[in-house]
Amino acid sequence: MKTLSLKLDDHIFDETEAITAQLHLARNRYINEAVNMYNLVQKRRLLKKALAKESVLTSADSMDILREFDMLIDGD
């Protein structure tokens, strides 16, 4: 486990303290879970962006293949 020094805005710290007290959860555990969830969100955003880029790159090839299939079907 790594040690991290973290500066939070006062209102974020106060809100975090109130929530962790109600949940009976250690501040460290709460922040770890929050960062983990944020990492998951960011990974999904990065994946979505990569898939969109790949989709654009392959769209022309896909259309060519569809046209070839159409020609094969129409040829029967």
Protein backbone atom coordinates (compact mmCIF):
# COMPACT_ATOMS: atom_id res chain seq x y z
CA MET A 1 0.00 0.00 0.00
CA LYS A 2 1.24 3.48 -0.87
CA THR A 3 1.12 6.52 1.36
CA LEU A 4 -0.34 9.65 -0.18
CA SER A 5 -0.53 13.22 1.00
CA LEU A 6 -3.80 14.75 -0.08
CA LYS A 7 -5.16 18.27 0.09
CA LEU A 8 -8.93 18.57 -0.07
CA ASP A 9 -11.06 21.67 -0.30
CA ASP A 10 -12.60 22.40 3.08
CA HIS A 11 -16.17 21.72 1.95
CA ILE A 12 -15.18 18.36 0.40
CA PHE A 13 -13.36 17.35 3.58
CA ASP A 14 -16.30 18.36 5.79
CA GLU A 15 -18.76 16.48 3.60
CA THR A 16 -16.49 13.43 3.57
CA GLU A 17 -16.21 13.49 7.34
CA ALA A 18 -19.98 13.66 7.74
CA ILE A 19 -20.60 10.80 5.33
CA THR A 20 -17.90 8.52 6.73
CA ALA A 21 -19.26 9.11 10.24
CA GLN A 22 -22.76 8.09 9.14
CA LEU A 23 -21.43 5.04 7.30
CA HIS A 24 -19.08 4.09 10.16
CA LEU A 25 -16.35 3.85 7.53
CA ALA A 26 -12.72 4.88 7.83
CA ARG A 27 -11.87 7.98 5.82
CA ASN A 28 -9.02 6.11 4.11
CA ARG A 29 -11.35 3.29 3.01
CA TYR A 30 -13.92 5.79 1.75
CA ILE A 31 -11.36 7.70 -0.32
CA ASN A 32 -9.90 4.45 -1.69
CA GLU A 33 -13.36 3.35 -2.83
CA ALA A 34 -14.08 6.76 -4.33
CA VAL A 35 -10.83 6.81 -6.31
CA ASN A 36 -11.45 3.23 -7.45
CA MET A 37 -14.92 4.15 -8.73
CA TYR A 38 -13.56 7.23 -10.48
CA ASN A 39 -10.87 5.08 -12.11
CA LEU A 40 -13.56 2.74 -13.44
CA VAL A 41 -15.49 5.66 -14.90
CA GLN A 42 -12.36 7.05 -16.56
CA LYS A 43 -11.41 3.62 -17.97
CA ARG A 44 -14.87 3.35 -19.56
CA ARG A 45 -14.53 6.85 -21.03
CA LEU A 46 -11.11 5.99 -22.46
CA LEU A 47 -12.44 2.72 -23.89
CA LYS A 48 -15.42 4.50 -25.44
CA LYS A 49 -13.09 7.03 -27.05
CA ALA A 50 -10.79 4.28 -28.38
CA LEU A 51 -13.73 2.29 -29.76
CA ALA A 52 -15.14 5.36 -31.48
CA LYS A 53 -11.75 6.02 -33.07
CA GLU A 54 -11.44 2.39 -34.21
CA SER A 55 -14.98 2.47 -35.56
CA VAL A 56 -14.17 5.46 -37.74
CA LEU A 57 -11.02 3.74 -39.01
CA THR A 58 -12.88 0.55 -39.96
CA SER A 59 -16.12 2.04 -41.26
CA ALA A 60 -14.89 2.34 -44.87
CA ASP A 61 -13.74 -1.29 -44.90
CA SER A 62 -17.05 -2.40 -43.40
CA MET A 63 -18.99 -0.59 -46.11
CA ASP A 64 -16.83 -2.22 -48.81
CA ILE A 65 -17.52 -5.65 -47.36
CA LEU A 66 -21.27 -4.94 -47.18
CA ARG A 67 -21.25 -3.88 -50.84
CA GLU A 68 -19.46 -7.11 -51.77
CA PHE A 69 -22.07 -9.15 -49.88
CA ASP A 70 -24.85 -7.25 -51.66
CA MET A 71 -23.25 -8.04 -55.03
CA LEU A 72 -23.03 -11.73 -54.10
CA ILE A 73 -26.67 -11.82 -52.99
CA ASP A 74 -27.89 -9.90 -56.05
CA GLY A 75 -25.87 -12.23 -58.28
CA ASP A 76 -27.96 -15.28 -57.24
